[in-house]
Amino acid sequence: MTEAEQLLIAAADLNERAKACEAARHEVRLPPEVVATIAYFLTTCGRIAARAGGIRATGPQEALIEHAHDIARTHLGEFK
């Protein structure tokens, strides 16, 4: 199995959990290490954007950083 396949399987699993929990109207339960990994991804993307001076300046990583920004903006928007 390739690394890309592993990532896609993990993403599909998280999406299925989220959909099932949404249908059941309860929170998604995730292991702490999954939350820590997502936080690490957001932290890494935030640092790359900070060093570059903005998302548009991140070059080939721009799309990835933009997705991280969307995740953060959505998450923070829910808790304002």
N, C-alpha and C. Protein backbone atom coordinates (compact mmCIF):
# COMPACT_ATOMS: atom_id res chain seq x y z
N MET A 1 0.85 -1.17 0.00
CA MET A 1 0.00 0.00 0.00
C MET A 1 0.90 1.24 0.00
N THR A 2 0.57 2.19 -0.85
CA THR A 2 1.37 3.41 -0.93
C THR A 2 1.01 4.38 0.19
N GLU A 3 1.87 5.38 0.41
CA GLU A 3 1.58 6.39 1.42
C GLU A 3 0.32 7.16 1.07
N ALA A 4 0.12 7.43 -0.22
CA ALA A 4 -1.08 8.15 -0.65
C ALA A 4 -2.33 7.33 -0.33
N GLU A 5 -2.28 6.03 -0.57
CA GLU A 5 -3.43 5.18 -0.26
C GLU A 5 -3.72 5.18 1.24
N GLN A 6 -2.67 5.15 2.05
CA GLN A 6 -2.86 5.17 3.50
C GLN A 6 -3.52 6.47 3.94
N LEU A 7 -3.08 7.59 3.37
CA LEU A 7 -3.67 8.89 3.70
C LEU A 7 -5.14 8.94 3.29
N LEU A 8 -5.43 8.44 2.10
CA LEU A 8 -6.82 8.47 1.62
C LEU A 8 -7.72 7.57 2.45
N ILE A 9 -7.22 6.43 2.87
CA ILE A 9 -8.00 5.53 3.72
C ILE A 9 -8.26 6.18 5.07
N ALA A 10 -7.24 6.81 5.65
CA ALA A 10 -7.41 7.48 6.94
C ALA A 10 -8.42 8.62 6.83
N ALA A 11 -8.33 9.39 5.75
CA ALA A 11 -9.29 10.49 5.56
C ALA A 11 -10.70 9.96 5.38
N ALA A 12 -10.85 8.89 4.62
CA ALA A 12 -12.17 8.30 4.43
C ALA A 12 -12.74 7.80 5.75
N ASP A 13 -11.90 7.20 6.58
CA ASP A 13 -12.34 6.72 7.89
C ASP A 13 -12.82 7.87 8.76
N LEU A 14 -12.07 8.97 8.80
CA LEU A 14 -12.48 10.12 9.59
C LEU A 14 -13.79 10.71 9.07
N ASN A 15 -13.92 10.78 7.76
CA ASN A 15 -15.17 11.30 7.18
C ASN A 15 -16.36 10.41 7.52
N GLU A 16 -16.18 9.11 7.47
CA GLU A 16 -17.26 8.20 7.81
C GLU A 16 -17.67 8.34 9.28
N ARG A 17 -16.68 8.49 10.15
CA ARG A 17 -16.98 8.70 11.57
C ARG A 17 -17.78 9.99 11.76
N ALA A 18 -17.33 11.03 11.10
CA ALA A 18 -18.01 12.33 11.22
C ALA A 18 -19.44 12.25 10.72
N LYS A 19 -19.65 11.60 9.58
CA LYS A 19 -21.00 11.47 9.02
C LYS A 19 -21.91 10.66 9.94
N ALA A 20 -21.38 9.57 10.47
CA ALA A 20 -22.18 8.73 11.37
C ALA A 20 -22.56 9.49 12.64
N CYS A 21 -21.60 10.23 13.18
CA CYS A 21 -21.87 11.00 14.39
C CYS A 21 -22.84 12.14 14.11
N GLU A 22 -22.72 12.76 12.96
CA GLU A 22 -23.65 13.83 12.60
C GLU A 22 -25.07 13.27 12.49
N ALA A 23 -25.19 12.11 11.85
CA ALA A 23 -26.51 11.49 11.71
C ALA A 23 -27.10 11.11 13.07
N ALA A 24 -26.24 10.67 13.98
CA ALA A 24 -26.68 10.28 15.32
C ALA A 24 -26.77 11.48 16.26
N ARG A 25 -26.38 12.64 15.77
CA ARG A 25 -26.40 13.88 16.55
C ARG A 25 -25.59 13.80 17.83
N HIS A 26 -24.36 13.27 17.69
CA HIS A 26 -23.44 13.34 18.83
C HIS A 26 -22.04 13.62 18.33
N GLU A 27 -21.16 13.97 19.26
CA GLU A 27 -19.81 14.37 18.90
C GLU A 27 -18.99 13.20 18.38
N VAL A 28 -18.03 13.54 17.52
CA VAL A 28 -17.10 12.53 17.00
C VAL A 28 -16.09 12.23 18.09
N ARG A 29 -15.89 10.97 18.36
CA ARG A 29 -14.89 10.57 19.35
C ARG A 29 -13.64 10.12 18.61
N LEU A 30 -12.53 10.78 18.91
CA LEU A 30 -11.26 10.46 18.28
C LEU A 30 -10.20 10.25 19.35
N PRO A 31 -9.27 9.36 19.07
CA PRO A 31 -8.16 9.19 20.00
C PRO A 31 -7.36 10.50 20.11
N PRO A 32 -6.82 10.79 21.28
CA PRO A 32 -6.05 12.03 21.46
C PRO A 32 -4.91 12.18 20.46
N GLU A 33 -4.30 11.05 20.06
CA GLU A 33 -3.19 11.15 19.12
C GLU A 33 -3.64 11.62 17.73
N VAL A 34 -4.90 11.35 17.36
CA VAL A 34 -5.42 11.86 16.09
C VAL A 34 -5.58 13.37 16.16
N VAL A 35 -6.13 13.85 17.27
CA VAL A 35 -6.28 15.29 17.45
C VAL A 35 -4.91 15.95 17.47
N ALA A 36 -3.94 15.34 18.14
CA ALA A 36 -2.58 15.89 18.20
C ALA A 36 -1.95 15.94 16.82
N THR A 37 -2.20 14.94 16.00
CA THR A 37 -1.66 14.91 14.64
C THR A 37 -2.25 16.02 13.79
N ILE A 38 -3.56 16.23 13.90
CA ILE A 38 -4.21 17.32 13.16
C ILE A 38 -3.67 18.66 13.64
N ALA A 39 -3.49 18.82 14.95
CA ALA A 39 -2.94 20.06 15.50
C ALA A 39 -1.51 20.28 14.99
N TYR A 40 -0.74 19.21 14.90
CA TYR A 40 0.63 19.31 14.38
C TYR A 40 0.62 19.78 12.93
N PHE A 41 -0.30 19.24 12.13
CA PHE A 41 -0.44 19.66 10.73
C PHE A 41 -0.76 21.15 10.65
N LEU A 42 -1.71 21.61 11.45
CA LEU A 42 -2.08 23.03 11.44
C LEU A 42 -0.92 23.90 11.93
N THR A 43 -0.19 23.45 12.94
CA THR A 43 0.96 24.19 13.45
C THR A 43 2.04 24.31 12.38
N THR A 44 2.35 23.20 11.72
CA THR A 44 3.37 23.20 10.67
C THR A 44 2.98 24.15 9.55
N CYS A 45 1.73 24.07 9.10
CA CYS A 45 1.26 24.95 8.03
C CYS A 45 1.29 26.40 8.47
N GLY A 46 0.93 26.67 9.72
CA GLY A 46 0.97 28.04 10.23
C GLY A 46 2.38 28.60 10.26
N ARG A 47 3.34 27.77 10.64
CA ARG A 47 4.73 28.22 10.68
C ARG A 47 5.28 28.47 9.28
N ILE A 48 4.92 27.62 8.33
CA ILE A 48 5.34 27.82 6.94
C ILE A 48 4.79 29.15 6.42
N ALA A 49 3.51 29.40 6.69
CA ALA A 49 2.89 30.66 6.23
C ALA A 49 3.53 31.86 6.92
N ALA A 50 3.85 31.73 8.20
CA ALA A 50 4.48 32.84 8.93
C ALA A 50 5.86 33.15 8.37
N ARG A 51 6.65 32.11 8.10
CA ARG A 51 7.99 32.33 7.53
C ARG A 51 7.91 32.96 6.15
N ALA A 52 6.92 32.54 5.36
CA ALA A 52 6.78 33.05 3.99
C ALA A 52 6.18 34.46 3.98
N GLY A 53 5.48 34.81 5.04
CA GLY A 53 4.85 36.13 5.09
C GLY A 53 3.40 36.12 4.67
N GLY A 54 2.87 34.97 4.34
CA GLY A 54 1.46 34.84 3.95
C GLY A 54 1.26 33.60 3.12
N ILE A 55 0.01 33.18 3.02
CA ILE A 55 -0.31 31.95 2.30
C ILE A 55 0.13 32.05 0.84
N ARG A 56 -0.14 33.18 0.20
CA ARG A 56 0.17 33.34 -1.23
C ARG A 56 1.66 33.26 -1.53
N ALA A 57 2.49 33.46 -0.51
CA ALA A 57 3.94 33.44 -0.71
C ALA A 57 4.55 32.05 -0.47
N THR A 58 3.73 31.04 -0.21
CA THR A 58 4.26 29.72 0.11
C THR A 58 4.56 28.87 -1.10
N GLY A 59 4.35 29.41 -2.29
CA GLY A 59 4.72 28.72 -3.52
C GLY A 59 3.99 27.41 -3.73
N PRO A 60 4.75 26.33 -3.94
CA PRO A 60 4.11 25.05 -4.25
C PRO A 60 3.28 24.47 -3.10
N GLN A 61 3.45 25.01 -1.90
CA GLN A 61 2.69 24.53 -0.75
C GLN A 61 1.40 25.32 -0.54
N GLU A 62 1.14 26.28 -1.40
CA GLU A 62 0.01 27.19 -1.19
C GLU A 62 -1.32 26.46 -1.02
N ALA A 63 -1.61 25.48 -1.85
CA ALA A 63 -2.90 24.78 -1.75
C ALA A 63 -3.03 24.06 -0.42
N LEU A 64 -1.97 23.40 0.02
CA LEU A 64 -1.99 22.69 1.29
C LEU A 64 -2.19 23.65 2.45
N ILE A 65 -1.47 24.78 2.42
CA ILE A 65 -1.59 25.77 3.48
C ILE A 65 -3.00 26.37 3.48
N GLU A 66 -3.54 26.61 2.29
CA GLU A 66 -4.90 27.16 2.19
C GLU A 66 -5.92 26.20 2.80
N HIS A 67 -5.74 24.91 2.58
CA HIS A 67 -6.65 23.93 3.19
C HIS A 67 -6.53 23.95 4.71
N ALA A 68 -5.30 24.03 5.21
CA ALA A 68 -5.11 24.11 6.66
C ALA A 68 -5.78 25.36 7.21
N HIS A 69 -5.65 26.46 6.48
CA HIS A 69 -6.27 27.71 6.91
C HIS A 69 -7.79 27.57 6.93
N ASP A 70 -8.35 26.90 5.94
CA ASP A 70 -9.80 26.67 5.90
C ASP A 70 -10.25 25.85 7.11
N ILE A 71 -9.47 24.83 7.44
CA ILE A 71 -9.80 23.99 8.60
C ILE A 71 -9.79 24.85 9.87
N ALA A 72 -8.74 25.64 10.03
CA ALA A 72 -8.63 26.48 11.23
C ALA A 72 -9.74 27.51 11.29
N ARG A 73 -10.02 28.15 10.16
CA ARG A 73 -11.06 29.19 10.14
C ARG A 73 -12.42 28.57 10.47
N THR A 74 -12.71 27.42 9.91
CA THR A 74 -13.98 26.75 10.20
C THR A 74 -14.07 26.37 11.67
N HIS A 75 -12.99 25.79 12.19
CA HIS A 75 -12.97 25.36 13.59
C HIS A 75 -13.11 26.56 14.52
N LEU A 76 -12.35 27.60 14.27
CA LEU A 76 -12.41 28.78 15.14
C LEU A 76 -13.76 29.48 15.02
N GLY A 77 -14.35 29.45 13.83
CA GLY A 77 -15.65 30.08 13.62
C GLY A 77 -16.74 29.45 14.46
N GLU A 78 -16.60 28.14 14.73
CA GLU A 78 -17.61 27.43 15.53
C GLU A 78 -17.55 27.82 17.00
N PHE A 79 -16.42 28.33 17.45
CA PHE A 79 -16.24 28.59 18.87
C PHE A 79 -16.10 30.05 19.22
N LYS A 80 -16.42 30.94 18.29
CA LYS A 80 -16.32 32.38 18.58
C LYS A 80 -17.45 32.81 19.48
